[in-house]
């Protein structure tokens, strides 16, 4: 991964920050995005202290249609290339479907499904010039099965899974690999809000997801892993 340029969305904390740390440790230059400047700056400063790589940031709200274009233009202006795109940014609000408003539904779809699509479209020109371009979408186990009171989130992750499958087929001829990592419960502020009933000590850590992403990005040769599903050790296997 040394010398490659990676764009990571939702990098202001949690899984995104862990992925950024893992990439920087392996010598990748980073463009980090997030909605909150203070959180993004804290992550960037911490990584600069730990790793001798270039780290740039751009604040953007991926719920806005034009955000994807602005982010990719920043990558082009600052780095002139892009090798890895990690679509990690996400919105998750726990609410029964019958109580979910249109605005809340649209927000989930905009950030969790539409933004990854738009980023892939905007970044396509840069990615296809890379010798080994990789897109990794961060999904969820709820993208494979529905969870009560997570309707909008679950539907948006199902949409992201479908998008990933289509992109993997359409971009293959351009030499761009498209993968998905679908974790179960990860100890982040997001899951603390959604599932306060879960024992935080039994949840996966953001670093577990980061290791899976690194594995996919660094995979080479004739074997390809399309998706990695991660579950909590305490959960039931093969469900």
C-alpha atoms as a PDB file:
ATOM      1  CA  UNK A   1       0.000   0.000   0.000  1.00  0.00           C
ATOM      2  CA  UNK A   2       3.055   2.243   0.262  1.00  0.00           C
ATOM      3  CA  UNK A   3       2.813   5.256  -2.021  1.00  0.00           C
ATOM      4  CA  UNK A   4      -0.840   4.766  -2.907  1.00  0.00           C
ATOM      5  CA  UNK A   5      -3.474   7.465  -2.429  1.00  0.00           C
ATOM      6  CA  UNK A   6      -6.643   6.571  -0.537  1.00  0.00           C
ATOM      7  CA  UNK A   7      -9.877   8.492  -0.035  1.00  0.00           C
ATOM      8  CA  UNK A   8     -11.802   7.524   3.102  1.00  0.00           C
ATOM      9  CA  UNK A   9     -15.232   8.939   3.907  1.00  0.00           C
ATOM     10  CA  UNK A  10     -16.603   9.178   7.418  1.00  0.00           C
ATOM     11  CA  UNK A  11     -13.059   9.423   8.750  1.00  0.00           C
ATOM     12  CA  UNK A  12     -13.796  11.639  11.742  1.00  0.00           C
ATOM     13  CA  UNK A  13     -13.969   8.702  14.132  1.00  0.00           C
ATOM     14  CA  UNK A  14     -14.963   5.085  14.604  1.00  0.00           C
ATOM     15  CA  UNK A  15     -14.391   2.707  11.708  1.00  0.00           C
ATOM     16  CA  UNK A  16     -13.238   5.416   9.301  1.00  0.00           C
ATOM     17  CA  UNK A  17     -10.508   6.640  11.642  1.00  0.00           C
ATOM     18  CA  UNK A  18      -9.345   3.066  12.256  1.00  0.00           C
ATOM     19  CA  UNK A  19      -9.107   2.417   8.512  1.00  0.00           C
ATOM     20  CA  UNK A  20      -7.153   5.646   8.072  1.00  0.00           C
ATOM     21  CA  UNK A  21      -4.723   4.605  10.812  1.00  0.00           C
ATOM     22  CA  UNK A  22      -4.206   1.179   9.240  1.00  0.00           C
ATOM     23  CA  UNK A  23      -3.616   2.668   5.794  1.00  0.00           C
ATOM     24  CA  UNK A  24      -1.207   5.316   7.075  1.00  0.00           C
ATOM     25  CA  UNK A  25       0.759   2.655   8.963  1.00  0.00           C
ATOM     26  CA  UNK A  26       1.310   0.954   5.617  1.00  0.00           C
ATOM     27  CA  UNK A  27       2.509   4.110   3.888  1.00  0.00           C
ATOM     28  CA  UNK A  28      -0.579   5.301   2.046  1.00  0.00           C
ATOM     29  CA  UNK A  29      -1.241   9.002   1.507  1.00  0.00           C
ATOM     30  CA  UNK A  30      -4.717   9.917   2.705  1.00  0.00           C
ATOM     31  CA  UNK A  31      -7.592  12.205   1.870  1.00  0.00           C
ATOM     32  CA  UNK A  32     -10.019  12.099   4.781  1.00  0.00           C
ATOM     33  CA  UNK A  33     -13.571  13.409   4.657  1.00  0.00           C
ATOM     34  CA  UNK A  34     -16.201  14.033   7.282  1.00  0.00           C
ATOM     35  CA  UNK A  35     -18.933  16.462   8.275  1.00  0.00           C
ATOM     36  CA  UNK A  36     -17.355  17.881  11.433  1.00  0.00           C
ATOM     37  CA  UNK A  37     -14.131  19.890  10.993  1.00  0.00           C
ATOM     38  CA  UNK A  38     -13.026  19.527  14.616  1.00  0.00           C
ATOM     39  CA  UNK A  39     -13.311  15.737  14.645  1.00  0.00           C
ATOM     40  CA  UNK A  40     -11.629  15.414  11.266  1.00  0.00           C
ATOM     41  CA  UNK A  41      -8.753  17.665  12.315  1.00  0.00           C
ATOM     42  CA  UNK A  42      -8.200  15.686  15.528  1.00  0.00           C
ATOM     43  CA  UNK A  43      -7.927  12.442  13.593  1.00  0.00           C
ATOM     44  CA  UNK A  44      -5.592  13.977  11.011  1.00  0.00           C
ATOM     45  CA  UNK A  45      -3.320  15.497  13.655  1.00  0.00           C
ATOM     46  CA  UNK A  46      -3.123  12.221  15.562  1.00  0.00           C
ATOM     47  CA  UNK A  47      -2.219  10.315  12.411  1.00  0.00           C
ATOM     48  CA  UNK A  48       0.417  12.875  11.389  1.00  0.00           C
ATOM     49  CA  UNK A  49       2.077  12.424  14.769  1.00  0.00           C
ATOM     50  CA  UNK A  50       2.128   8.647  14.375  1.00  0.00           C
ATOM     51  CA  UNK A  51       2.907   8.221  10.684  1.00  0.00           C
ATOM     52  CA  UNK A  52       5.189   9.914   8.165  1.00  0.00           C
ATOM     53  CA  UNK A  53       2.671  10.145   5.332  1.00  0.00           C
ATOM     54  CA  UNK A  54       0.739  12.955   3.707  1.00  0.00           C
ATOM     55  CA  UNK A  55      -2.727  13.430   5.175  1.00  0.00           C
ATOM     56  CA  UNK A  56      -5.219  15.943   3.798  1.00  0.00           C
ATOM     57  CA  UNK A  57      -8.798  16.618   4.823  1.00  0.00           C
ATOM     58  CA  UNK A  58     -11.911  18.024   3.217  1.00  0.00           C
ATOM     59  CA  UNK A  59     -15.144  18.647   5.087  1.00  0.00           C
ATOM     60  CA  UNK A  60     -18.316  17.750   3.251  1.00  0.00           C
ATOM     61  CA  UNK A  61     -21.851  16.590   3.954  1.00  0.00           C
ATOM     62  CA  UNK A  62     -22.488  13.551   1.779  1.00  0.00           C
ATOM     63  CA  UNK A  63     -26.222  14.080   2.116  1.00  0.00           C
ATOM     64  CA  UNK A  64     -25.682  16.899  -0.396  1.00  0.00           C
ATOM     65  CA  UNK A  65     -25.588  15.882  -4.061  1.00  0.00           C
ATOM     66  CA  UNK A  66     -22.654  18.147  -4.956  1.00  0.00           C
ATOM     67  CA  UNK A  67     -20.432  16.932  -2.108  1.00  0.00           C
ATOM     68  CA  UNK A  68     -19.035  13.966  -4.036  1.00  0.00           C
ATOM     69  CA  UNK A  69     -17.857  16.141  -6.900  1.00  0.00           C
ATOM     70  CA  UNK A  70     -16.179  18.589  -4.510  1.00  0.00           C
ATOM     71  CA  UNK A  71     -14.399  15.789  -2.654  1.00  0.00           C
ATOM     72  CA  UNK A  72     -13.009  14.178  -5.793  1.00  0.00           C
ATOM     73  CA  UNK A  73     -11.927  17.557  -7.162  1.00  0.00           C
ATOM     74  CA  UNK A  74      -9.999  18.103  -3.925  1.00  0.00           C
ATOM     75  CA  UNK A  75      -8.280  14.730  -4.382  1.00  0.00           C
ATOM     76  CA  UNK A  76      -7.400  15.612  -7.964  1.00  0.00           C
ATOM     77  CA  UNK A  77      -6.049  19.035  -6.994  1.00  0.00           C
ATOM     78  CA  UNK A  78      -4.005  17.863  -3.998  1.00  0.00           C
ATOM     79  CA  UNK A  79      -2.806  14.431  -5.129  1.00  0.00           C
ATOM     80  CA  UNK A  80      -3.464  14.134  -8.851  1.00  0.00           C
ATOM     81  CA  UNK A  81      -4.332  10.463  -8.490  1.00  0.00           C
ATOM     82  CA  UNK A  82      -6.481   8.011  -6.573  1.00  0.00           C
ATOM     83  CA  UNK A  83      -5.871   4.323  -5.959  1.00  0.00           C
ATOM     84  CA  UNK A  84      -8.285   3.374  -3.179  1.00  0.00           C
ATOM     85  CA  UNK A  85     -11.782   4.612  -2.340  1.00  0.00           C
ATOM     86  CA  UNK A  86     -13.380   3.535   0.936  1.00  0.00           C
ATOM     87  CA  UNK A  87     -17.058   4.436   1.214  1.00  0.00           C
ATOM     88  CA  UNK A  88     -17.460   4.287   4.968  1.00  0.00           C
ATOM     89  CA  UNK A  89     -19.641   7.283   5.883  1.00  0.00           C
ATOM     90  CA  UNK A  90     -23.037   6.262   7.148  1.00  0.00           C
ATOM     91  CA  UNK A  91     -26.211   7.350   8.899  1.00  0.00           C
ATOM     92  CA  UNK A  92     -28.111   5.070  11.264  1.00  0.00           C
ATOM     93  CA  UNK A  93     -31.246   5.993  13.186  1.00  0.00           C
ATOM     94  CA  UNK A  94     -33.186   3.338  15.093  1.00  0.00           C
ATOM     95  CA  UNK A  95     -36.900   3.700  14.479  1.00  0.00           C
ATOM     96  CA  UNK A  96     -39.786   1.434  13.417  1.00  0.00           C
ATOM     97  CA  UNK A  97     -40.750   1.789   9.764  1.00  0.00           C
ATOM     98  CA  UNK A  98     -44.251   2.968  10.659  1.00  0.00           C
ATOM     99  CA  UNK A  99     -42.690   5.882  12.540  1.00  0.00           C
ATOM    100  CA  UNK A 100     -40.044   6.735   9.936  1.00  0.00           C
ATOM    101  CA  UNK A 101     -40.641   9.979   8.082  1.00  0.00           C
ATOM    102  CA  UNK A 102     -39.783  10.646   4.455  1.00  0.00           C
ATOM    103  CA  UNK A 103     -36.936  13.012   5.331  1.00  0.00           C
ATOM    104  CA  UNK A 104     -35.324  10.433   7.598  1.00  0.00           C
ATOM    105  CA  UNK A 105     -35.715   7.714   4.965  1.00  0.00           C
ATOM    106  CA  UNK A 106     -34.204   9.942   2.288  1.00  0.00           C
ATOM    107  CA  UNK A 107     -31.268  10.852   4.543  1.00  0.00           C
ATOM    108  CA  UNK A 108     -30.336   7.183   4.968  1.00  0.00           C
ATOM    109  CA  UNK A 109     -30.559   6.558   1.241  1.00  0.00           C
ATOM    110  CA  UNK A 110     -28.623   9.715   0.379  1.00  0.00           C
ATOM    111  CA  UNK A 111     -25.650   9.057   2.645  1.00  0.00           C
ATOM    112  CA  UNK A 112     -25.540   5.257   2.724  1.00  0.00           C
ATOM    113  CA  UNK A 113     -26.319   4.442  -0.918  1.00  0.00           C
ATOM    114  CA  UNK A 114     -26.428   7.488  -3.185  1.00  0.00           C
ATOM    115  CA  UNK A 115     -23.154   9.030  -1.974  1.00  0.00           C
ATOM    116  CA  UNK A 116     -21.084   5.867  -2.634  1.00  0.00           C
ATOM    117  CA  UNK A 117     -22.580   5.700  -6.127  1.00  0.00           C
ATOM    118  CA  UNK A 118     -21.798   9.345  -6.847  1.00  0.00           C
ATOM    119  CA  UNK A 119     -18.273   9.055  -5.460  1.00  0.00           C
ATOM    120  CA  UNK A 120     -17.587   6.065  -7.694  1.00  0.00           C
ATOM    121  CA  UNK A 121     -18.900   7.982 -10.700  1.00  0.00           C
ATOM    122  CA  UNK A 122     -16.878  11.096  -9.902  1.00  0.00           C
ATOM    123  CA  UNK A 123     -13.721   9.143  -9.034  1.00  0.00           C
ATOM    124  CA  UNK A 124     -13.906   6.765 -11.992  1.00  0.00           C
ATOM    125  CA  UNK A 125     -11.530   8.760 -14.182  1.00  0.00           C
ATOM    126  CA  UNK A 126      -8.845   8.818 -11.492  1.00  0.00           C
ATOM    127  CA  UNK A 127      -9.344   5.216 -10.419  1.00  0.00           C
ATOM    128  CA  UNK A 128      -9.113   3.758 -13.914  1.00  0.00           C
ATOM    129  CA  UNK A 129      -5.646   5.304 -14.287  1.00  0.00           C
ATOM    130  CA  UNK A 130      -4.371   3.431 -11.228  1.00  0.00           C
ATOM    131  CA  UNK A 131      -2.412   0.214 -11.691  1.00  0.00           C
ATOM    132  CA  UNK A 132      -4.496  -1.461  -8.975  1.00  0.00           C
ATOM    133  CA  UNK A 133      -7.620   0.526  -8.177  1.00  0.00           C
ATOM    134  CA  UNK A 134      -9.837  -0.678  -5.348  1.00  0.00           C
ATOM    135  CA  UNK A 135     -13.219   0.408  -4.011  1.00  0.00           C
ATOM    136  CA  UNK A 136     -14.322  -0.920  -0.624  1.00  0.00           C
ATOM    137  CA  UNK A 137     -17.856  -0.221   0.545  1.00  0.00           C
ATOM    138  CA  UNK A 138     -18.593  -0.606   4.237  1.00  0.00           C
ATOM    139  CA  UNK A 139     -21.907  -2.384   4.535  1.00  0.00           C
ATOM    140  CA  UNK A 140     -23.500  -4.197   7.449  1.00  0.00           C
ATOM    141  CA  UNK A 141     -25.018  -7.535   8.343  1.00  0.00           C
ATOM    142  CA  UNK A 142     -28.348  -5.694   8.254  1.00  0.00           C
ATOM    143  CA  UNK A 143     -27.757  -5.395   4.514  1.00  0.00           C
ATOM    144  CA  UNK A 144     -28.307  -9.150   4.330  1.00  0.00           C
ATOM    145  CA  UNK A 145     -31.202  -9.490   6.755  1.00  0.00           C
ATOM    146  CA  UNK A 146     -33.776  -7.108   8.132  1.00  0.00           C
ATOM    147  CA  UNK A 147     -33.648  -5.935  11.729  1.00  0.00           C
ATOM    148  CA  UNK A 148     -36.686  -4.596  13.542  1.00  0.00           C
ATOM    149  CA  UNK A 149     -36.539  -0.851  14.216  1.00  0.00           C
ATOM    150  CA  UNK A 150     -33.689  -0.452  11.723  1.00  0.00           C
ATOM    151  CA  UNK A 151     -35.812  -0.251   8.590  1.00  0.00           C
ATOM    152  CA  UNK A 152     -34.312   2.762   6.849  1.00  0.00           C
ATOM    153  CA  UNK A 153     -30.776   1.752   7.769  1.00  0.00           C
ATOM    154  CA  UNK A 154     -31.321  -1.852   6.692  1.00  0.00           C
ATOM    155  CA  UNK A 155     -32.883  -0.843   3.377  1.00  0.00           C
ATOM    156  CA  UNK A 156     -30.030   1.545   2.616  1.00  0.00           C
ATOM    157  CA  UNK A 157     -27.421  -1.142   3.317  1.00  0.00           C
ATOM    158  CA  UNK A 158     -29.329  -3.597   1.118  1.00  0.00           C
ATOM    159  CA  UNK A 159     -29.134  -0.934  -1.591  1.00  0.00           C
ATOM    160  CA  UNK A 160     -25.392  -0.545  -1.033  1.00  0.00           C
ATOM    161  CA  UNK A 161     -24.912  -4.303  -1.372  1.00  0.00           C
ATOM    162  CA  UNK A 162     -26.764  -4.269  -4.683  1.00  0.00           C
ATOM    163  CA  UNK A 163     -24.734  -1.292  -5.862  1.00  0.00           C
ATOM    164  CA  UNK A 164     -21.506  -3.066  -4.931  1.00  0.00           C
ATOM    165  CA  UNK A 165     -22.431  -6.126  -6.983  1.00  0.00           C
ATOM    166  CA  UNK A 166     -23.279  -4.011 -10.032  1.00  0.00           C
ATOM    167  CA  UNK A 167     -20.140  -1.877  -9.769  1.00  0.00           C
ATOM    168  CA  UNK A 168     -17.956  -4.970  -9.399  1.00  0.00           C
ATOM    169  CA  UNK A 169     -19.247  -6.200 -12.756  1.00  0.00           C
ATOM    170  CA  UNK A 170     -19.281  -2.865 -14.571  1.00  0.00           C
ATOM    171  CA  UNK A 171     -15.865  -1.642 -13.429  1.00  0.00           C
ATOM    172  CA  UNK A 172     -14.026  -4.938 -13.811  1.00  0.00           C
ATOM    173  CA  UNK A 173     -13.098  -4.147 -17.422  1.00  0.00           C
ATOM    174  CA  UNK A 174     -11.464  -0.923 -16.206  1.00  0.00           C
ATOM    175  CA  UNK A 175      -9.265  -2.862 -13.800  1.00  0.00           C
ATOM    176  CA  UNK A 176     -11.132  -1.541 -10.742  1.00  0.00           C
ATOM    177  CA  UNK A 177     -11.893  -4.052  -7.993  1.00  0.00           C
ATOM    178  CA  UNK A 178     -15.027  -3.426  -5.921  1.00  0.00           C
ATOM    179  CA  UNK A 179     -15.487  -5.135  -2.549  1.00  0.00           C
ATOM    180  CA  UNK A 180     -17.679  -4.931   0.523  1.00  0.00           C
ATOM    181  CA  UNK A 181     -17.030  -5.442   4.216  1.00  0.00           C
ATOM    182  CA  UNK A 182     -20.215  -6.162   6.175  1.00  0.00           C
ATOM    183  CA  UNK A 183     -19.632  -6.136   9.929  1.00  0.00           C
ATOM    184  CA  UNK A 184     -22.006  -6.944  12.713  1.00  0.00           C
ATOM    185  CA  UNK A 185     -21.917  -4.972  15.943  1.00  0.00           C
ATOM    186  CA  UNK A 186     -18.876  -2.709  16.243  1.00  0.00           C
ATOM    187  CA  UNK A 187     -18.159  -0.660  19.365  1.00  0.00           C
ATOM    188  CA  UNK A 188     -18.740   2.854  18.024  1.00  0.00           C
ATOM    189  CA  UNK A 189     -20.889   5.790  19.154  1.00  0.00           C
ATOM    190  CA  UNK A 190     -23.327   4.916  16.350  1.00  0.00           C
ATOM    191  CA  UNK A 191     -24.164   1.475  17.704  1.00  0.00           C
ATOM    192  CA  UNK A 192     -24.288   2.810  21.251  1.00  0.00           C
ATOM    193  CA  UNK A 193     -27.159   5.040  20.121  1.00  0.00           C
ATOM    194  CA  UNK A 194     -28.914   2.359  18.089  1.00  0.00           C
ATOM    195  CA  UNK A 195     -28.419  -0.660  20.357  1.00  0.00           C
ATOM    196  CA  UNK A 196     -27.859   0.442  23.968  1.00  0.00           C
ATOM    197  CA  UNK A 197     -28.932  -3.074  24.998  1.00  0.00           C
ATOM    198  CA  UNK A 198     -25.744  -4.648  23.622  1.00  0.00           C
ATOM    199  CA  UNK A 199     -22.789  -5.374  25.876  1.00  0.00           C
ATOM    200  CA  UNK A 200     -20.036  -3.099  24.565  1.00  0.00           C
ATOM    201  CA  UNK A 201     -17.379  -5.534  25.759  1.00  0.00           C
ATOM    202  CA  UNK A 202     -18.721  -8.205  23.405  1.00  0.00           C
ATOM    203  CA  UNK A 203     -18.735  -6.007  20.318  1.00  0.00           C
ATOM    204  CA  UNK A 204     -16.095  -5.982  17.629  1.00  0.00           C
ATOM    205  CA  UNK A 205     -13.640  -3.114  17.502  1.00  0.00           C
ATOM    206  CA  UNK A 206     -13.197  -0.681  14.649  1.00  0.00           C
ATOM    207  CA  UNK A 207      -9.708  -2.101  14.164  1.00  0.00           C
ATOM    208  CA  UNK A 208     -11.255  -5.478  13.295  1.00  0.00           C
ATOM    209  CA  UNK A 209     -13.060  -3.887  10.362  1.00  0.00           C
ATOM    210  CA  UNK A 210      -9.923  -1.984   9.350  1.00  0.00           C
ATOM    211  CA  UNK A 211      -7.951  -5.228   9.136  1.00  0.00           C
ATOM    212  CA  UNK A 212     -10.562  -6.684   6.799  1.00  0.00           C
ATOM    213  CA  UNK A 213     -10.388  -3.612   4.565  1.00  0.00           C
ATOM    214  CA  UNK A 214      -6.592  -3.798   4.442  1.00  0.00           C
ATOM    215  CA  UNK A 215      -6.805  -7.470   3.481  1.00  0.00           C
ATOM    216  CA  UNK A 216      -9.067  -6.671   0.528  1.00  0.00           C
ATOM    217  CA  UNK A 217      -6.993  -3.731  -0.657  1.00  0.00           C
ATOM    218  CA  UNK A 218      -3.721  -5.645  -0.467  1.00  0.00           C
ATOM    219  CA  UNK A 219      -5.086  -8.820  -2.052  1.00  0.00           C
ATOM    220  CA  UNK A 220      -3.414  -9.692  -5.323  1.00  0.00           C
ATOM    221  CA  UNK A 221      -2.985 -12.594  -7.677  1.00  0.00           C
ATOM    222  CA  UNK A 222      -5.757 -14.700  -9.143  1.00  0.00           C
ATOM    223  CA  UNK A 223      -7.893 -15.069  -6.009  1.00  0.00           C
ATOM    224  CA  UNK A 224     -10.527 -12.435  -5.253  1.00  0.00           C
ATOM    225  CA  UNK A 225     -12.703 -12.081  -2.155  1.00  0.00           C
ATOM    226  CA  UNK A 226     -15.811 -10.111  -3.096  1.00  0.00           C
ATOM    227  CA  UNK A 227     -17.157  -9.574   0.417  1.00  0.00           C
ATOM    228  CA  UNK A 228     -16.080 -10.134   3.994  1.00  0.00           C
ATOM    229  CA  UNK A 229     -18.772 -10.581   6.629  1.00  0.00           C
ATOM    230  CA  UNK A 230     -17.668 -10.086  10.216  1.00  0.00           C
ATOM    231  CA  UNK A 231     -19.656 -11.138  13.255  1.00  0.00           C
ATOM    232  CA  UNK A 232     -19.270 -10.721  16.972  1.00  0.00           C
ATOM    233  CA  UNK A 233     -17.649 -13.739  18.611  1.00  0.00           C
ATOM    234  CA  UNK A 234     -20.628 -13.868  20.979  1.00  0.00           C
ATOM    235  CA  UNK A 235     -23.150 -14.073  18.132  1.00  0.00           C
ATOM    236  CA  UNK A 236     -24.359 -17.281  16.509  1.00  0.00           C
ATOM    237  CA  UNK A 237     -22.303 -18.521  13.530  1.00  0.00           C
ATOM    238  CA  UNK A 238     -23.835 -18.988  10.080  1.00  0.00           C
ATOM    239  CA  UNK A 239     -26.925 -16.923  10.752  1.00  0.00           C
END
